[in-house]
PDB file of N, CA and C in Angstrom:
ATOM      1  N   THR A   1      -7.986  16.491   1.705  1.00  0.00           N
ATOM      2  CA  THR A   1      -7.331  15.416   0.947  1.00  0.00           C
ATOM      3  C   THR A   1      -6.589  14.479   1.886  1.00  0.00           C
ATOM      4  N   TYR A   2      -6.188  13.376   1.333  1.00  0.00           N
ATOM      5  CA  TYR A   2      -5.431  12.401   2.124  1.00  0.00           C
ATOM      6  C   TYR A   2      -3.966  12.789   2.270  1.00  0.00           C
ATOM      7  N   ASP A   3      -3.473  13.674   1.414  1.00  0.00           N
ATOM      8  CA  ASP A   3      -2.045  13.989   1.420  1.00  0.00           C
ATOM      9  C   ASP A   3      -1.532  14.411   2.778  1.00  0.00           C
ATOM     10  N   ALA A   4      -2.193  15.341   3.434  1.00  0.00           N
ATOM     11  CA  ALA A   4      -1.747  15.844   4.739  1.00  0.00           C
ATOM     12  C   ALA A   4      -1.824  14.740   5.788  1.00  0.00           C
ATOM     13  N   ILE A   5      -2.887  13.970   5.756  1.00  0.00           N
ATOM     14  CA  ILE A   5      -3.058  12.894   6.751  1.00  0.00           C
ATOM     15  C   ILE A   5      -1.941  11.855   6.601  1.00  0.00           C
ATOM     16  N   PHE A   6      -1.713  11.426   5.370  1.00  0.00           N
ATOM     17  CA  PHE A   6      -0.668  10.397   5.143  1.00  0.00           C
ATOM     18  C   PHE A   6       0.718  10.951   5.412  1.00  0.00           C
ATOM     19  N   SER A   7       0.961  12.235   5.053  1.00  0.00           N
ATOM     20  CA  SER A   7       2.260  12.820   5.302  1.00  0.00           C
ATOM     21  C   SER A   7       2.578  12.879   6.784  1.00  0.00           C
ATOM     22  N   ASN A   8       1.585  13.301   7.581  1.00  0.00           N
ATOM     23  CA  ASN A   8       1.802  13.326   9.040  1.00  0.00           C
ATOM     24  C   ASN A   8       2.034  11.935   9.592  1.00  0.00           C
ATOM     25  N   ALA A   9       1.303  10.974   9.117  1.00  0.00           N
ATOM     26  CA  ALA A   9       1.496   9.578   9.588  1.00  0.00           C
ATOM     27  C   ALA A   9       2.891   9.077   9.213  1.00  0.00           C
ATOM     28  N   CYS A  10       3.337   9.409   8.020  1.00  0.00           N
ATOM     29  CA  CYS A  10       4.670   8.962   7.595  1.00  0.00           C
ATOM     30  C   CYS A  10       5.775   9.578   8.427  1.00  0.00           C
ATOM     31  N   LYS A  11       5.574  10.815   8.821  1.00  0.00           N
ATOM     32  CA  LYS A  11       6.567  11.506   9.658  1.00  0.00           C
ATOM     33  C   LYS A  11       6.591  10.940  11.066  1.00  0.00           C
ATOM     34  N   ASN A  12       5.434  10.569  11.576  1.00  0.00           N
ATOM     35  CA  ASN A  12       5.335  10.211  12.985  1.00  0.00           C
ATOM     36  C   ASN A  12       5.464   8.714  13.247  1.00  0.00           C
ATOM     37  N   HIS A  13       5.362   7.899  12.256  1.00  0.00           N
ATOM     38  CA  HIS A  13       5.422   6.450  12.432  1.00  0.00           C
ATOM     39  C   HIS A  13       6.341   5.851  11.362  1.00  0.00           C
ATOM     40  N   ARG A  14       7.629   5.705  11.696  1.00  0.00           N
ATOM     41  CA  ARG A  14       8.611   5.209  10.725  1.00  0.00           C
ATOM     42  C   ARG A  14       8.643   3.696  10.684  1.00  0.00           C
ATOM     43  N   TYR A  15       8.819   3.176   9.494  1.00  0.00           N
ATOM     44  CA  TYR A  15       8.967   1.722   9.268  1.00  0.00           C
ATOM     45  C   TYR A  15      10.198   1.525   8.400  1.00  0.00           C
ATOM     46  N   ASP A  16      10.823   0.375   8.557  1.00  0.00           N
ATOM     47  CA  ASP A  16      12.025   0.066   7.744  1.00  0.00           C
ATOM     48  C   ASP A  16      11.671  -0.260   6.300  1.00  0.00           C
ATOM     49  N   LYS A  17      10.565  -0.911   6.111  1.00  0.00           N
ATOM     50  CA  LYS A  17      10.184  -1.312   4.751  1.00  0.00           C
ATOM     51  C   LYS A  17       8.661  -1.255   4.630  1.00  0.00           C
ATOM     52  N   ILE A  18       8.209  -0.863   3.465  1.00  0.00           N
ATOM     53  CA  ILE A  18       6.782  -0.767   3.196  1.00  0.00           C
ATOM     54  C   ILE A  18       6.432  -1.730   2.065  1.00  0.00           C
ATOM     55  N   PHE A  19       5.425  -2.575   2.285  1.00  0.00           N
ATOM     56  CA  PHE A  19       4.858  -3.428   1.232  1.00  0.00           C
ATOM     57  C   PHE A  19       3.515  -2.824   0.860  1.00  0.00           C
ATOM     58  N   LEU A  20       3.402  -2.427  -0.396  1.00  0.00           N
ATOM     59  CA  LEU A  20       2.190  -1.756  -0.844  1.00  0.00           C
ATOM     60  C   LEU A  20       1.512  -2.616  -1.894  1.00  0.00           C
ATOM     61  N   MET A  21       0.227  -2.824  -1.718  1.00  0.00           N
ATOM     62  CA  MET A  21      -0.550  -3.598  -2.682  1.00  0.00           C
ATOM     63  C   MET A  21      -1.502  -2.686  -3.418  1.00  0.00           C
ATOM     64  N   PRO A  22      -1.241  -2.440  -4.680  1.00  0.00           N
ATOM     65  CA  PRO A  22      -2.101  -1.543  -5.465  1.00  0.00           C
ATOM     66  C   PRO A  22      -3.539  -2.078  -5.573  1.00  0.00           C
ATOM     67  N   PRO A  23      -4.471  -1.191  -5.739  1.00  0.00           N
ATOM     68  CA  PRO A  23      -5.866  -1.633  -5.941  1.00  0.00           C
ATOM     69  C   PRO A  23      -5.971  -2.608  -7.111  1.00  0.00           C
ATOM     70  N   TRP A  24      -6.825  -3.575  -6.976  1.00  0.00           N
ATOM     71  CA  TRP A  24      -6.960  -4.642  -7.962  1.00  0.00           C
ATOM     72  C   TRP A  24      -8.443  -4.691  -8.330  1.00  0.00           C
ATOM     73  N   GLU A  25      -8.789  -4.186  -9.447  1.00  0.00           N
ATOM     74  CA  GLU A  25     -10.196  -3.984  -9.806  1.00  0.00           C
ATOM     75  C   GLU A  25     -10.984  -5.318  -9.862  1.00  0.00           C
ATOM     76  N   GLU A  26     -10.329  -6.376 -10.325  1.00  0.00           N
ATOM     77  CA  GLU A  26     -11.029  -7.646 -10.481  1.00  0.00           C
ATOM     78  C   GLU A  26     -11.500  -8.236  -9.145  1.00  0.00           C
ATOM     79  N   ILE A  27     -10.833  -7.904  -8.079  1.00  0.00           N
ATOM     80  CA  ILE A  27     -11.234  -8.441  -6.770  1.00  0.00           C
ATOM     81  C   ILE A  27     -11.817  -7.401  -5.837  1.00  0.00           C
ATOM     82  N   HIS A  28     -11.904  -6.180  -6.292  1.00  0.00           N
ATOM     83  CA  HIS A  28     -12.384  -5.067  -5.446  1.00  0.00           C
ATOM     84  C   HIS A  28     -13.878  -5.246  -5.125  1.00  0.00           C
ATOM     85  N   THR A  29     -14.196  -5.162  -3.847  1.00  0.00           N
ATOM     86  CA  THR A  29     -15.584  -5.152  -3.420  1.00  0.00           C
ATOM     87  C   THR A  29     -15.741  -4.073  -2.342  1.00  0.00           C
ATOM     88  N   THR A  30     -16.959  -3.720  -2.075  1.00  0.00           N
ATOM     89  CA  THR A  30     -17.215  -2.791  -0.973  1.00  0.00           C
ATOM     90  C   THR A  30     -18.016  -3.499   0.111  1.00  0.00           C
ATOM     91  N   ASP A  31     -17.790  -3.094   1.351  1.00  0.00           N
ATOM     92  CA  ASP A  31     -18.512  -3.660   2.492  1.00  0.00           C
ATOM     93  C   ASP A  31     -18.474  -2.642   3.616  1.00  0.00           C
ATOM     94  N   LYS A  32     -18.755  -3.061   4.838  1.00  0.00           N
ATOM     95  CA  LYS A  32     -18.781  -2.167   5.967  1.00  0.00           C
ATOM     96  C   LYS A  32     -17.415  -1.519   6.268  1.00  0.00           C
ATOM     97  N   GLU A  33     -16.342  -2.231   5.993  1.00  0.00           N
ATOM     98  CA  GLU A  33     -15.002  -1.710   6.260  1.00  0.00           C
ATOM     99  C   GLU A  33     -14.413  -1.028   5.022  1.00  0.00           C
ATOM    100  N   ARG A  34     -14.693  -1.523   3.872  1.00  0.00           N
ATOM    101  CA  ARG A  34     -14.147  -0.954   2.638  1.00  0.00           C
ATOM    102  C   ARG A  34     -15.322  -0.353   1.845  1.00  0.00           C
ATOM    103  N   TYR A  35     -15.588   0.898   2.115  1.00  0.00           N
ATOM    104  CA  TYR A  35     -16.731   1.535   1.488  1.00  0.00           C
ATOM    105  C   TYR A  35     -16.353   2.364   0.263  1.00  0.00           C
ATOM    106  N   GLU A  36     -15.053   2.538   0.019  1.00  0.00           N
ATOM    107  CA  GLU A  36     -14.627   3.366  -1.119  1.00  0.00           C
ATOM    108  C   GLU A  36     -14.840   2.632  -2.449  1.00  0.00           C
ATOM    109  N   SER A  37     -15.156   3.381  -3.471  1.00  0.00           N
ATOM    110  CA  SER A  37     -15.254   2.807  -4.832  1.00  0.00           C
ATOM    111  C   SER A  37     -13.856   2.439  -5.274  1.00  0.00           C
ATOM    112  N   PHE A  38     -13.774   1.700  -6.364  1.00  0.00           N
ATOM    113  CA  PHE A  38     -12.449   1.357  -6.897  1.00  0.00           C
ATOM    114  C   PHE A  38     -11.664   2.604  -7.232  1.00  0.00           C
ATOM    115  N   GLU A  39     -12.341   3.587  -7.837  1.00  0.00           N
ATOM    116  CA  GLU A  39     -11.651   4.835  -8.222  1.00  0.00           C
ATOM    117  C   GLU A  39     -11.118   5.570  -6.991  1.00  0.00           C
ATOM    118  N   GLU A  40     -11.898   5.580  -5.911  1.00  0.00           N
ATOM    119  CA  GLU A  40     -11.431   6.217  -4.675  1.00  0.00           C
ATOM    120  C   GLU A  40     -10.242   5.422  -4.092  1.00  0.00           C
ATOM    121  N   SER A  41     -10.282   4.119  -4.197  1.00  0.00           N
ATOM    122  CA  SER A  41      -9.163   3.289  -3.741  1.00  0.00           C
ATOM    123  C   SER A  41      -7.882   3.596  -4.499  1.00  0.00           C
ATOM    124  N   VAL A  42      -8.005   3.867  -5.768  1.00  0.00           N
ATOM    125  CA  VAL A  42      -6.823   4.217  -6.585  1.00  0.00           C
ATOM    126  C   VAL A  42      -6.275   5.559  -6.084  1.00  0.00           C
ATOM    127  N   GLN A  43      -7.154   6.517  -5.846  1.00  0.00           N
ATOM    128  CA  GLN A  43      -6.690   7.836  -5.338  1.00  0.00           C
ATOM    129  C   GLN A  43      -5.999   7.692  -3.990  1.00  0.00           C
ATOM    130  N   ILE A  44      -6.569   6.924  -3.111  1.00  0.00           N
ATOM    131  CA  ILE A  44      -5.963   6.691  -1.783  1.00  0.00           C
ATOM    132  C   ILE A  44      -4.603   6.047  -1.936  1.00  0.00           C
ATOM    133  N   HIS A  45      -4.539   5.014  -2.778  1.00  0.00           N
ATOM    134  CA  HIS A  45      -3.284   4.334  -3.015  1.00  0.00           C
ATOM    135  C   HIS A  45      -2.213   5.294  -3.508  1.00  0.00           C
ATOM    136  N   ASN A  46      -2.553   6.137  -4.495  1.00  0.00           N
ATOM    137  CA  ASN A  46      -1.596   7.054  -5.069  1.00  0.00           C
ATOM    138  C   ASN A  46      -1.129   8.083  -4.044  1.00  0.00           C
ATOM    139  N   CYS A  47      -2.018   8.577  -3.210  1.00  0.00           N
ATOM    140  CA  CYS A  47      -1.622   9.516  -2.159  1.00  0.00           C
ATOM    141  C   CYS A  47      -0.697   8.847  -1.153  1.00  0.00           C
ATOM    142  N   LEU A  48      -1.048   7.651  -0.787  1.00  0.00           N
ATOM    143  CA  LEU A  48      -0.217   6.889   0.188  1.00  0.00           C
ATOM    144  C   LEU A  48       1.150   6.618  -0.368  1.00  0.00           C
ATOM    145  N   LYS A  49       1.228   6.112  -1.604  1.00  0.00           N
ATOM    146  CA  LYS A  49       2.494   5.827  -2.232  1.00  0.00           C
ATOM    147  C   LYS A  49       3.351   7.111  -2.330  1.00  0.00           C
ATOM    148  N   ASN A  50       2.753   8.206  -2.762  1.00  0.00           N
ATOM    149  CA  ASN A  50       3.489   9.458  -2.891  1.00  0.00           C
ATOM    150  C   ASN A  50       4.024   9.924  -1.529  1.00  0.00           C
ATOM    151  N   SER A  51       3.259   9.750  -0.465  1.00  0.00           N
ATOM    152  CA  SER A  51       3.705  10.137   0.858  1.00  0.00           C
ATOM    153  C   SER A  51       4.903   9.291   1.302  1.00  0.00           C
ATOM    154  N   TYR A  52       4.818   7.978   1.066  1.00  0.00           N
ATOM    155  CA  TYR A  52       5.946   7.160   1.415  1.00  0.00           C
ATOM    156  C   TYR A  52       7.205   7.538   0.649  1.00  0.00           C
ATOM    157  N   VAL A  53       7.076   7.773  -0.618  1.00  0.00           N
ATOM    158  CA  VAL A  53       8.244   8.159  -1.450  1.00  0.00           C
ATOM    159  C   VAL A  53       8.793   9.495  -0.995  1.00  0.00           C
ATOM    160  N   GLN A  54       7.927  10.484  -0.720  1.00  0.00           N
ATOM    161  CA  GLN A  54       8.387  11.810  -0.279  1.00  0.00           C
ATOM    162  C   GLN A  54       9.125  11.732   1.043  1.00  0.00           C
ATOM    163  N   HIS A  55       8.815  10.777   1.879  1.00  0.00           N
ATOM    164  CA  HIS A  55       9.449  10.640   3.189  1.00  0.00           C
ATOM    165  C   HIS A  55      10.531   9.554   3.168  1.00  0.00           C
ATOM    166  N   ALA A  56      11.003   9.218   1.991  1.00  0.00           N
ATOM    167  CA  ALA A  56      12.165   8.355   1.780  1.00  0.00           C
ATOM    168  C   ALA A  56      11.998   6.944   2.349  1.00  0.00           C
ATOM    169  N   TYR A  57      10.800   6.399   2.259  1.00  0.00           N
ATOM    170  CA  TYR A  57      10.585   5.025   2.656  1.00  0.00           C
ATOM    171  C   TYR A  57      11.039   4.091   1.559  1.00  0.00           C
ATOM    172  N   ASP A  58      11.408   2.878   1.975  1.00  0.00           N
ATOM    173  CA  ASP A  58      11.736   1.804   1.027  1.00  0.00           C
ATOM    174  C   ASP A  58      10.414   1.099   0.696  1.00  0.00           C
ATOM    175  N   VAL A  59       9.851   1.447  -0.460  1.00  0.00           N
ATOM    176  CA  VAL A  59       8.528   0.915  -0.872  1.00  0.00           C
ATOM    177  C   VAL A  59       8.685  -0.229  -1.858  1.00  0.00           C
ATOM    178  N   THR A  60       8.074  -1.368  -1.547  1.00  0.00           N
ATOM    179  CA  THR A  60       8.070  -2.477  -2.455  1.00  0.00           C
ATOM    180  C   THR A  60       6.630  -2.747  -2.863  1.00  0.00           C
ATOM    181  N   ILE A  61       6.371  -2.749  -4.147  1.00  0.00           N
ATOM    182  CA  ILE A  61       5.046  -3.045  -4.670  1.00  0.00           C
ATOM    183  C   ILE A  61       4.866  -4.559  -4.755  1.00  0.00           C
ATOM    184  N   VAL A  62       3.832  -5.066  -4.112  1.00  0.00           N
ATOM    185  CA  VAL A  62       3.530  -6.484  -4.114  1.00  0.00           C
ATOM    186  C   VAL A  62       2.709  -6.786  -5.382  1.00  0.00           C
ATOM    187  N   PRO A  63       3.200  -7.674  -6.230  1.00  0.00           N
ATOM    188  CA  PRO A  63       2.467  -7.972  -7.474  1.00  0.00           C
ATOM    189  C   PRO A  63       1.182  -8.764  -7.208  1.00  0.00           C
ATOM    190  N   LYS A  64       0.268  -8.648  -8.165  1.00  0.00           N
ATOM    191  CA  LYS A  64      -0.944  -9.417  -8.119  1.00  0.00           C
ATOM    192  C   LYS A  64      -0.637 -10.901  -8.093  1.00  0.00           C
ATOM    193  N   GLY A  65      -1.437 -11.667  -7.428  1.00  0.00           N
ATOM    194  CA  GLY A  65      -1.242 -13.103  -7.350  1.00  0.00           C
ATOM    195  C   GLY A  65      -2.145 -13.685  -6.289  1.00  0.00           C
ATOM    196  N   THR A  66      -2.013 -14.983  -6.087  1.00  0.00           N
ATOM    197  CA  THR A  66      -2.806 -15.638  -5.020  1.00  0.00           C
ATOM    198  C   THR A  66      -2.263 -15.149  -3.655  1.00  0.00           C
ATOM    199  N   ILE A  67      -3.012 -15.443  -2.649  1.00  0.00           N
ATOM    200  CA  ILE A  67      -2.549 -15.072  -1.296  1.00  0.00           C
ATOM    201  C   ILE A  67      -1.214 -15.722  -1.017  1.00  0.00           C
ATOM    202  N   ASN A  68      -1.049 -17.008  -1.331  1.00  0.00           N
ATOM    203  CA  ASN A  68       0.190 -17.718  -1.082  1.00  0.00           C
ATOM    204  C   ASN A  68       1.338 -17.136  -1.890  1.00  0.00           C
ATOM    205  N   GLU A  69       1.074 -16.718  -3.125  1.00  0.00           N
ATOM    206  CA  GLU A  69       2.116 -16.092  -3.943  1.00  0.00           C
ATOM    207  C   GLU A  69       2.546 -14.757  -3.347  1.00  0.00           C
ATOM    208  N   ARG A  70       1.613 -14.019  -2.842  1.00  0.00           N
ATOM    209  CA  ARG A  70       1.922 -12.738  -2.249  1.00  0.00           C
ATOM    210  C   ARG A  70       2.709 -12.898  -0.940  1.00  0.00           C
ATOM    211  N   ILE A  71       2.289 -13.875  -0.140  1.00  0.00           N
ATOM    212  CA  ILE A  71       3.012 -14.162   1.079  1.00  0.00           C
ATOM    213  C   ILE A  71       4.435 -14.578   0.774  1.00  0.00           C
ATOM    214  N   ALA A  72       4.629 -15.454  -0.197  1.00  0.00           N
ATOM    215  CA  ALA A  72       5.974 -15.897  -0.581  1.00  0.00           C
ATOM    216  C   ALA A  72       6.824 -14.735  -1.056  1.00  0.00           C
ATOM    217  N   PHE A  73       6.226 -13.843  -1.848  1.00  0.00           N
ATOM    218  CA  PHE A  73       6.949 -12.670  -2.331  1.00  0.00           C
ATOM    219  C   PHE A  73       7.408 -11.809  -1.154  1.00  0.00           C
ATOM    220  N   ILE A  74       6.532 -11.545  -0.219  1.00  0.00           N
ATOM    221  CA  ILE A  74       6.900 -10.700   0.921  1.00  0.00           C
ATOM    222  C   ILE A  74       7.987 -11.364   1.748  1.00  0.00           C
ATOM    223  N   ILE A  75       7.847 -12.651   2.013  1.00  0.00           N
ATOM    224  CA  ILE A  75       8.877 -13.360   2.813  1.00  0.00           C
ATOM    225  C   ILE A  75      10.214 -13.315   2.091  1.00  0.00           C
ATOM    226  N   GLU A  76      10.213 -13.519   0.783  1.00  0.00           N
ATOM    227  CA  GLU A  76      11.437 -13.478  -0.001  1.00  0.00           C
ATOM    228  C   GLU A  76      12.086 -12.092   0.093  1.00  0.00           C
ATOM    229  N   GLN A  77      11.291 -11.048   0.026  1.00  0.00           N
ATOM    230  CA  GLN A  77      11.814  -9.693   0.124  1.00  0.00           C
ATOM    231  C   GLN A  77      12.382  -9.403   1.514  1.00  0.00           C
ATOM    232  N   VAL A  78      11.715  -9.851   2.540  1.00  0.00           N
ATOM    233  CA  VAL A  78      12.193  -9.657   3.902  1.00  0.00           C
ATOM    234  C   VAL A  78      13.497 -10.398   4.132  1.00  0.00           C
ATOM    235  N   ASN A  79      13.557 -11.637   3.657  1.00  0.00           N
ATOM    236  CA  ASN A  79      14.796 -12.420   3.840  1.00  0.00           C
ATOM    237  C   ASN A  79      15.954 -11.866   3.063  1.00  0.00           C
ATOM    238  N   ALA A  80      15.683 -11.167   1.946  1.00  0.00           N
ATOM    239  CA  ALA A  80      16.753 -10.581   1.112  1.00  0.00           C
ATOM    240  C   ALA A  80      17.285  -9.273   1.697  1.00  0.00           C
ATOM    241  N   SER A  81      16.544  -8.710   2.648  1.00  0.00           N
ATOM    242  CA  SER A  81      16.942  -7.401   3.246  1.00  0.00           C
ATOM    243  C   SER A  81      18.079  -7.567   4.230  1.00  0.00           C
TER     244      SER A  81
END
């Protein structure tokens, strides 16, 4: 499973803030780099999110939106920190 892999990574590589973008079915595609199905992407996302929470990371979920809206959201969150 991904749990052990993500848990080890969370322990060994600390970050001050995590921006997490949940899987978005309407824009999900597969290619050479992203070969997981949407359902697999959801499982990976959930394992990753759980690992961050278990290791006391500050996780911010980035809402769906255009690229510019997402960038603005992240910048706003960083500036508010």
